[in-house]
Each structure stands twice: as C-alpha cells, then as structure tokens.
Amino acid sequence: MKTSIKTALLLVFIAFAPALASQTPAIDMIIGGETTHTVAKGDNVYRVGAKYGVYWKNIVRDNGLDEKQPLVEGTVLKLNNRKIVPRVVENGIIINIPDRTLYFFQAGQLMALPVGLGAIFRNEFGDWKTPEGKFHIKNKRKDPVWYVPESIQIEYALKGKEVEEAVPPGPKNPLGKYAITTSIPAVLIHDTIYPGSVYRYMSHGCIRMLREHIERLFPLVEINTQGEIIYEPVKIASTAEGRIFLEVRTDVYKKHRSLKQYATKLIESRGISDKVDWQKVEKLIKEETGVAEDISLSPPPKAAPSTQSSSSPGFTRRIIDYFKTKFKKPAQTSSQKL
C-alpha cells in the first residue's frame, strides 16, 4: 500500500523539542489535505469516507451528490481530510474520539488511520461509547476467536438472535483477521467485516479499522506500546509561517455544554484572540465539518515568484533535517519506516 493521502495512510516526519521530558512538540502538526478519488465498483460514500477519513456528508456536499443515489463508477470525487494532530508523542498511540482517527507514532514518524468507534447507545446492560483513558497493548492475535461479551449476549437474546459465547475465525467473525488487545477492558483495535462502519460510531466500544489499514499497523505495534484514548472535538494549530488553523467536530458524546465557549477558551489560552477572524470561527463552529481551516485574520501571503533558496528551506525540509539530526542511526531508522 502506498503511504500517501490517496490511500488515507498519512505518513509524516516529526520534529520534537529534545529537552522537553513532557514530549511537548516544537510545532503543531497539520496533516492531510485536498485529494481526489475515482469511484470503483462497489464504492459508496461510507466506504470512501472510511478509506480517507472524510465524513460522508462532506463527500455528498462537496461533490453535489444525491445521498439516496448510488455512486457512479468512474466518477472523480473531491475530498478533503486535512486535520490537526491532537497530541504528539515520540512513540505510542493516540486515538481521538471526535475525529475518529488513530495516530501511531514510531521512530519519528506518524501514521494516521481512520477508525470506527462506539455507538451513542446505552441500556441497563451496557454503554457502547468508546471510553477515554490511558492503556497499553497486551497482545496481538491473527485470525482471532471472538469471545462475545455478556452484554452483547444479552442484547442478542432480547432481539431473538442466536447467542454464542465464542465465534471462531472465519468470514462471520466481527473481528476479521486481526485483533490488538488493549488494557482497557473489552476494548480491542481490530479488523472488521463491516467496512462501512469505519469512520462512524457503530461499534460496541471497540476500535474498528479497514483491513488494508490494520495490515500495515499490526506488524508495527509492539506488546506494551503505550496509548491513550482522548476526546478533543476542537483543535487549534499554528504553522511555522504564522497561519492559524481551527478544526471543529461534532461533540458526538455530548461532553461539552458549548463548543463555542470551548473554542474561545482554546484561542484565548494561546494568546491569539487578536489574530483570528472571529467570523470564520463562528462559521466553523456552526458547520462542524471536521476539516482544519485557516482562521488567520490577515490574508495568506502571496506565493513567491520563484522556488525557495537553500538559505530558507521549506517547512517540510526543516522537519526532515531536524529528524536526521535527532536520530543518529540512519540505517536503523530507515528500516522502521511505517
């Protein structure tokens, strides 16, 4: 699989502030952007959204589609999955519930992968929402057996479905071919036989991934890898060029009284209240598109008439140069590419 935006597999180099034990990044990180997808046989807006990490309603809106009509094979769709990385660590996993993305950091690189998360549902037998919290990876299984939780057994019984305590490997196993067990009870990172549920909230709390994505992640994740599931529906980033970006997503689990107040506090905490266009902020809060947008008060600078000189390297070049100086063993680093 290509490590490019066209496969929803985002791979970037990371520059860290080496003296900070807290692992605070020296820069904010914005990944993804505008791309296209040519509709293949069997595609629908849910599967395309799951592949690229784009809300299916954005696909419908941006391409003038009728959501009730099937996609036409060969159609070229415009997509935008530009997002702000919510937290940066040197090694480990960050899963942000509102942006339905798993961020895997390893050896100065980042892989960002769309995931499906817990449904907004609760009854006397259980809560399906994906829980927040720190965790570590306990084990990994290929062709796993699914041991059905009691809450799901009860749910099936009440619906008159056949109740099983364990489902063997095979095409009917909801875990698919790969399962990664976390230390959070009953929360797995796993493949799924329901690809249309990825990048949506439809699981019983587990973290679902497309097979093409988990096949890349599975061999790289090690036992005891540290991780954290967080909940940040509003994110802010400043670029090296001084531009300010804001990303607003739906508060799907209703954890905040007001996204407007939340966003305002984030902007004020950065000391940039006088540098943002508050009309743009209001618009993003109202629309909740989940796409990181430039909210800088000043207009973007005009493109330079010529390419940058070697004395003023671009942003990506500076990251790569920093990466090379930080990691002293280039041979070892190159063997760990994601």
Protein backbone atom coordinates (compact mmCIF):
# COMPACT_ATOMS: atom_id res chain seq x y z
CA MET A 1 0.00 0.00 0.00
CA LYS A 2 1.29 3.46 -0.83
CA THR A 3 1.94 5.68 2.15
CA SER A 4 0.12 8.65 0.68
CA ILE A 5 -3.02 10.66 1.16
CA LYS A 6 -4.68 8.77 -1.71
CA THR A 7 -4.83 5.67 0.50
CA ALA A 8 -5.80 7.54 3.66
CA LEU A 9 -2.48 6.41 5.11
CA LEU A 10 -0.76 9.62 6.17
CA LEU A 11 2.97 9.39 6.85
CA VAL A 12 4.96 12.39 8.05
CA PHE A 13 8.22 13.15 9.80
CA ILE A 14 8.03 14.68 13.29
CA ALA A 15 10.38 17.22 14.87
CA PHE A 16 10.47 17.23 18.68
CA ALA A 17 11.89 19.65 21.21
CA PRO A 18 14.65 17.36 22.57
CA ALA A 19 14.92 18.93 26.01
CA LEU A 20 11.27 18.58 26.97
CA ALA A 21 10.55 15.49 29.05
CA SER A 22 6.82 16.09 28.67
CA GLN A 23 7.11 15.32 24.93
CA THR A 24 5.51 18.64 24.01
CA PRO A 25 6.04 19.13 20.27
CA ALA A 26 8.14 22.02 19.00
CA ILE A 27 5.47 22.58 16.32
CA ASP A 28 1.78 21.94 15.82
CA MET A 29 1.04 19.35 13.17
CA ILE A 30 -1.46 19.59 10.32
CA ILE A 31 -1.78 16.55 8.05
CA GLY A 32 -3.87 15.55 5.06
CA GLY A 33 -5.46 17.94 2.60
CA GLU A 34 -7.33 18.03 -0.68
CA THR A 35 -7.24 14.97 -2.91
CA THR A 36 -9.43 13.00 -5.31
CA HIS A 37 -10.85 9.50 -5.51
CA THR A 38 -12.10 7.71 -8.61
CA VAL A 39 -15.19 5.68 -7.78
CA ALA A 40 -14.62 1.94 -8.21
CA LYS A 41 -17.15 -0.87 -8.44
CA GLY A 42 -18.84 -1.41 -5.06
CA ASP A 43 -17.89 2.01 -3.66
CA ASN A 44 -20.37 4.04 -1.64
CA VAL A 45 -19.92 7.27 0.33
CA TYR A 46 -19.48 5.37 3.61
CA ARG A 47 -16.65 3.19 2.28
CA VAL A 48 -14.91 6.11 0.60
CA GLY A 49 -15.21 8.10 3.83
CA ALA A 50 -13.77 5.16 5.79
CA LYS A 51 -10.83 4.87 3.40
CA TYR A 52 -9.80 8.52 3.51
CA GLY A 53 -11.10 9.66 6.89
CA VAL A 54 -13.73 12.02 5.46
CA TYR A 55 -17.24 12.50 6.85
CA TRP A 56 -19.63 11.01 4.29
CA LYS A 57 -21.89 14.08 4.38
CA ASN A 58 -18.91 16.22 3.38
CA ILE A 59 -18.40 13.95 0.36
CA VAL A 60 -22.06 14.40 -0.62
CA ARG A 61 -21.96 18.18 -0.13
CA ASP A 62 -18.61 18.86 -1.79
CA ASN A 63 -19.48 16.82 -4.87
CA GLY A 64 -23.14 17.82 -5.29
CA LEU A 65 -24.33 14.24 -4.85
CA ASP A 66 -27.75 12.85 -4.08
CA GLU A 67 -27.16 10.70 -0.99
CA LYS A 68 -30.05 8.44 -1.99
CA GLN A 69 -28.43 7.57 -5.32
CA PRO A 70 -25.53 5.09 -5.73
CA LEU A 71 -22.12 6.37 -6.78
CA VAL A 72 -21.40 6.08 -10.49
CA GLU A 73 -18.29 4.06 -11.30
CA GLY A 74 -15.55 6.25 -12.75
CA THR A 75 -16.76 9.45 -11.10
CA VAL A 76 -13.90 11.55 -9.68
CA LEU A 77 -14.74 12.75 -6.17
CA LYS A 78 -13.16 15.75 -4.45
CA LEU A 79 -12.13 15.02 -0.85
CA ASN A 80 -10.53 17.00 1.97
CA ASN A 81 -9.18 15.20 5.05
CA ARG A 82 -6.96 17.98 6.41
CA LYS A 83 -6.78 17.62 10.17
CA ILE A 84 -4.81 18.79 13.18
CA VAL A 85 -2.93 16.14 15.14
CA PRO A 86 -4.36 16.48 18.68
CA ARG A 87 -1.29 15.25 20.58
CA VAL A 88 2.25 14.39 19.58
CA VAL A 89 4.39 11.76 21.32
CA GLU A 90 7.65 10.16 20.25
CA ASN A 91 6.26 6.62 20.35
CA GLY A 92 2.78 5.31 21.04
CA ILE A 93 -0.87 5.51 20.03
CA ILE A 94 -3.31 8.41 20.37
CA ILE A 95 -6.96 7.86 19.45
CA ASN A 96 -9.14 10.96 19.34
CA ILE A 97 -12.83 10.05 19.53
CA PRO A 98 -14.34 13.12 17.78
CA ASP A 99 -12.06 12.87 14.75
CA ARG A 100 -12.27 9.05 14.60
CA THR A 101 -8.56 8.73 13.92
CA LEU A 102 -5.80 6.54 15.34
CA TYR A 103 -2.40 8.26 15.38
CA PHE A 104 0.51 5.81 15.58
CA PHE A 105 3.89 7.37 16.37
CA GLN A 106 7.09 5.41 15.93
CA ALA A 107 10.74 6.42 15.48
CA GLY A 108 9.98 9.99 14.49
CA GLN A 109 7.19 9.16 12.04
CA LEU A 110 3.41 9.28 12.19
CA MET A 111 0.76 7.05 10.62
CA ALA A 112 -2.81 8.40 10.82
CA LEU A 113 -5.61 5.90 10.22
CA PRO A 114 -9.44 6.28 10.21
CA VAL A 115 -11.28 4.17 12.78
CA GLY A 116 -14.85 3.30 13.74
CA LEU A 117 -15.87 3.83 17.36
CA GLY A 118 -18.60 3.13 19.91
CA ALA A 119 -22.22 3.94 19.14
CA ILE A 120 -24.17 6.55 21.10
CA PHE A 121 -26.24 3.98 22.93
CA ARG A 122 -26.77 2.87 26.50
CA ASN A 123 -29.15 0.48 28.25
CA GLU A 124 -29.26 -1.39 31.55
CA PHE A 125 -26.82 -3.96 30.21
CA GLY A 126 -24.07 -1.70 28.95
CA ASP A 127 -22.77 1.52 27.45
CA TRP A 128 -21.48 1.29 23.88
CA LYS A 129 -19.46 4.51 23.88
CA THR A 130 -15.71 4.07 23.46
CA PRO A 131 -14.13 5.00 26.82
CA GLU A 132 -11.36 7.55 27.33
CA GLY A 133 -8.18 6.67 29.17
CA LYS A 134 -4.59 5.53 29.02
CA PHE A 135 -3.79 1.96 28.00
CA HIS A 136 -1.05 -0.35 26.81
CA ILE A 137 -1.09 -3.11 24.22
CA LYS A 138 -1.48 -6.52 25.91
CA ASN A 139 -1.33 -8.87 22.94
CA LYS A 140 -1.94 -9.28 19.22
CA ARG A 141 -3.86 -12.07 17.50
CA LYS A 142 -4.16 -13.07 13.87
CA ASP A 143 -7.34 -14.96 12.92
CA PRO A 144 -8.73 -14.31 16.42
CA VAL A 145 -11.59 -16.02 18.22
CA TRP A 146 -14.23 -13.52 19.32
CA TYR A 147 -15.31 -14.15 22.90
CA VAL A 148 -18.70 -12.48 22.99
CA PRO A 149 -19.16 -10.12 25.99
CA GLU A 150 -22.11 -10.88 28.26
CA SER A 151 -23.77 -7.55 27.45
CA ILE A 152 -23.83 -8.44 23.75
CA GLN A 153 -25.10 -11.95 24.50
CA ILE A 154 -28.00 -10.42 26.44
CA GLU A 155 -28.66 -7.94 23.64
CA TYR A 156 -28.80 -10.76 21.07
CA ALA A 157 -31.11 -12.81 23.29
CA LEU A 158 -33.53 -9.90 23.72
CA LYS A 159 -33.61 -9.43 19.94
CA GLY A 160 -34.27 -13.13 19.38
CA LYS A 161 -30.87 -13.68 17.73
CA GLU A 162 -28.76 -16.78 18.17
CA VAL A 163 -26.49 -16.40 21.20
CA GLU A 164 -22.90 -17.61 21.01
CA GLU A 165 -20.21 -17.40 23.68
CA ALA A 166 -17.40 -17.56 21.12
CA VAL A 167 -17.15 -17.07 17.36
CA PRO A 168 -14.31 -18.93 15.60
CA PRO A 169 -12.11 -17.35 12.91
CA GLY A 170 -13.81 -17.00 9.57
CA PRO A 171 -15.95 -14.74 7.39
CA LYS A 172 -18.63 -14.34 10.09
CA ASN A 173 -16.23 -13.24 12.83
CA PRO A 174 -16.74 -9.48 13.51
CA LEU A 175 -13.06 -9.12 14.48
CA GLY A 176 -11.96 -10.02 10.98
CA LYS A 177 -8.38 -11.31 10.61
CA TYR A 178 -6.56 -9.10 13.13
CA ALA A 179 -7.15 -8.08 16.75
CA ILE A 180 -4.97 -5.98 19.05
CA THR A 181 -5.94 -6.19 22.73
CA THR A 182 -5.66 -3.08 24.89
CA SER A 183 -5.53 -2.95 28.68
CA ILE A 184 -8.93 -1.21 28.74
CA PRO A 185 -11.46 -3.99 29.45
CA ALA A 186 -13.33 -5.21 26.35
CA VAL A 187 -11.71 -2.60 24.07
CA LEU A 188 -9.92 -4.07 21.06
CA ILE A 189 -8.35 -2.48 18.00
CA HIS A 190 -9.45 -4.82 15.24
CA ASP A 191 -10.25 -5.53 11.61
CA THR A 192 -13.94 -5.64 10.71
CA ILE A 193 -16.23 -7.49 8.34
CA TYR A 194 -18.35 -4.31 8.22
CA PRO A 195 -16.09 -1.82 6.37
CA GLY A 196 -18.91 0.70 6.03
CA SER A 197 -18.89 1.13 9.82
CA VAL A 198 -15.33 2.51 9.87
CA TYR A 199 -15.15 6.27 10.43
CA ARG A 200 -18.60 6.09 12.02
CA TYR A 201 -19.95 5.43 15.52
CA MET A 202 -21.42 1.93 15.22
CA SER A 203 -19.37 -0.44 17.40
CA HIS A 204 -19.98 -1.69 20.94
CA GLY A 205 -16.99 0.34 22.10
CA CYS A 206 -14.15 -1.32 20.17
CA ILE A 207 -11.97 0.43 17.62
CA ARG A 208 -12.64 -0.85 14.10
CA MET A 209 -10.26 -0.49 11.17
CA LEU A 210 -10.26 -1.33 7.47
CA ARG A 211 -8.23 -4.44 6.70
CA GLU A 212 -5.89 -2.57 4.37
CA HIS A 213 -5.01 -0.23 7.26
CA ILE A 214 -4.68 -2.71 10.10
CA GLU A 215 -2.49 -4.92 7.92
CA ARG A 216 0.05 -2.08 7.97
CA LEU A 217 -0.40 -1.31 11.68
CA PHE A 218 -0.47 -4.85 13.06
CA PRO A 219 3.20 -5.85 12.48
CA LEU A 220 4.49 -2.49 13.73
CA VAL A 221 2.69 -2.31 17.07
CA GLU A 222 4.64 -3.98 19.85
CA ILE A 223 3.40 -5.50 23.10
CA ASN A 224 3.38 -2.87 25.90
CA THR A 225 3.14 0.01 23.43
CA GLN A 226 1.60 2.90 25.39
CA GLY A 227 -1.53 4.67 24.21
CA GLU A 228 -4.37 6.96 25.18
CA ILE A 229 -7.94 7.48 24.02
CA ILE A 230 -8.80 11.18 24.23
CA TYR A 231 -11.77 13.42 23.47
CA GLU A 232 -10.95 16.70 21.72
CA PRO A 233 -13.69 17.96 19.35
CA VAL A 234 -11.95 21.32 18.81
CA LYS A 235 -8.30 21.63 17.82
CA ILE A 236 -6.03 24.59 17.05
CA ALA A 237 -2.67 24.76 15.31
CA SER A 238 -0.20 27.46 14.34
CA THR A 239 2.10 26.92 11.37
CA ALA A 240 5.74 27.94 11.01
CA GLU A 241 4.53 30.68 8.65
CA GLY A 242 2.30 32.15 11.35
CA ARG A 243 -1.03 30.90 9.99
CA ILE A 244 -3.67 29.74 12.48
CA PHE A 245 -5.91 26.74 11.77
CA LEU A 246 -9.05 25.60 13.57
CA GLU A 247 -10.80 22.23 13.33
CA VAL A 248 -14.27 21.77 14.80
CA ARG A 249 -16.02 18.41 15.01
CA THR A 250 -19.34 17.32 16.43
CA ASP A 251 -19.39 16.75 20.18
CA VAL A 252 -20.84 13.32 19.48
CA TYR A 253 -20.82 12.10 23.08
CA LYS A 254 -22.16 15.45 24.39
CA LYS A 255 -19.30 16.14 26.79
CA HIS A 256 -19.26 19.95 26.37
CA ARG A 257 -22.01 22.44 27.10
CA SER A 258 -20.89 24.77 24.31
CA LEU A 259 -18.37 24.23 21.52
CA LYS A 260 -18.28 27.99 21.06
CA GLN A 261 -17.10 28.50 24.63
CA TYR A 262 -14.67 25.61 24.30
CA ALA A 263 -13.16 27.03 21.10
CA THR A 264 -12.98 30.54 22.57
CA LYS A 265 -11.06 29.30 25.61
CA LEU A 266 -8.60 27.41 23.40
CA ILE A 267 -7.95 30.51 21.30
CA GLU A 268 -7.59 32.73 24.37
CA SER A 269 -5.23 30.23 26.03
CA ARG A 270 -2.94 30.55 23.01
CA GLY A 271 -2.93 34.34 23.30
CA ILE A 272 -4.07 34.72 19.68
CA SER A 273 -7.51 36.30 20.10
CA ASP A 274 -6.44 39.37 18.14
CA LYS A 275 -5.01 37.28 15.28
CA VAL A 276 -8.05 35.23 14.29
CA ASP A 277 -11.06 36.08 12.15
CA TRP A 278 -13.94 35.51 14.57
CA GLN A 279 -16.48 35.34 11.74
CA LYS A 280 -14.59 32.35 10.35
CA VAL A 281 -14.50 30.84 13.83
CA GLU A 282 -18.28 31.22 14.18
CA LYS A 283 -18.79 29.63 10.75
CA LEU A 284 -16.66 26.57 11.57
CA ILE A 285 -18.40 26.11 14.93
CA LYS A 286 -21.79 26.22 13.21
CA GLU A 287 -20.86 23.82 10.40
CA GLU A 288 -18.76 21.29 12.39
CA THR A 289 -17.26 19.93 9.14
CA GLY A 290 -14.22 18.40 10.85
CA VAL A 291 -11.85 19.96 8.31
CA ALA A 292 -8.99 22.13 9.59
CA GLU A 293 -9.36 25.63 8.08
CA ASP A 294 -7.24 28.78 8.13
CA ILE A 295 -8.81 31.32 10.51
CA SER A 296 -5.97 33.85 10.42
CA LEU A 297 -7.13 37.46 10.49
CA SER A 298 -4.57 38.57 7.92
CA PRO A 299 -4.81 37.26 4.32
CA PRO A 300 -2.41 34.47 3.34
CA PRO A 301 0.86 35.67 1.83
CA LYS A 302 1.16 35.66 -1.95
CA ALA A 303 3.12 32.80 -3.46
CA ALA A 304 6.76 33.60 -4.11
CA PRO A 305 7.59 34.06 -7.81
CA SER A 306 10.47 31.62 -7.59
CA THR A 307 11.33 28.49 -5.60
CA GLN A 308 12.84 28.87 -2.13
CA SER A 309 16.56 29.30 -1.87
CA SER A 310 18.70 26.86 0.05
CA SER A 311 19.20 29.51 2.75
CA SER A 312 15.45 29.45 3.52
CA PRO A 313 14.32 25.80 3.48
CA GLY A 314 10.63 24.96 3.38
CA PHE A 315 8.64 23.69 6.34
CA THR A 316 8.79 20.02 5.29
CA ARG A 317 12.52 20.27 4.57
CA ARG A 318 13.15 21.72 8.06
CA ILE A 319 11.27 18.84 9.66
CA ILE A 320 13.24 16.26 7.70
CA ASP A 321 16.56 17.97 8.51
CA TYR A 322 15.67 18.04 12.20
CA PHE A 323 14.66 14.39 12.04
CA LYS A 324 18.04 13.46 10.54
CA THR A 325 19.97 15.26 13.29
CA LYS A 326 17.90 13.80 16.12
CA PHE A 327 18.12 10.15 15.17
CA LYS A 328 21.80 9.22 14.99
CA LYS A 329 21.40 5.81 13.37
CA PRO A 330 20.04 6.37 9.85
CA ALA A 331 20.28 2.71 8.90
CA GLN A 332 18.17 1.63 11.85
CA THR A 333 15.67 4.43 11.33
CA SER A 334 15.13 3.66 7.67
CA SER A 335 14.34 0.04 8.50
CA GLN A 336 11.46 1.17 10.71
CA LYS A 337 9.56 3.15 8.12
CA LEU A 338 5.81 2.81 8.57
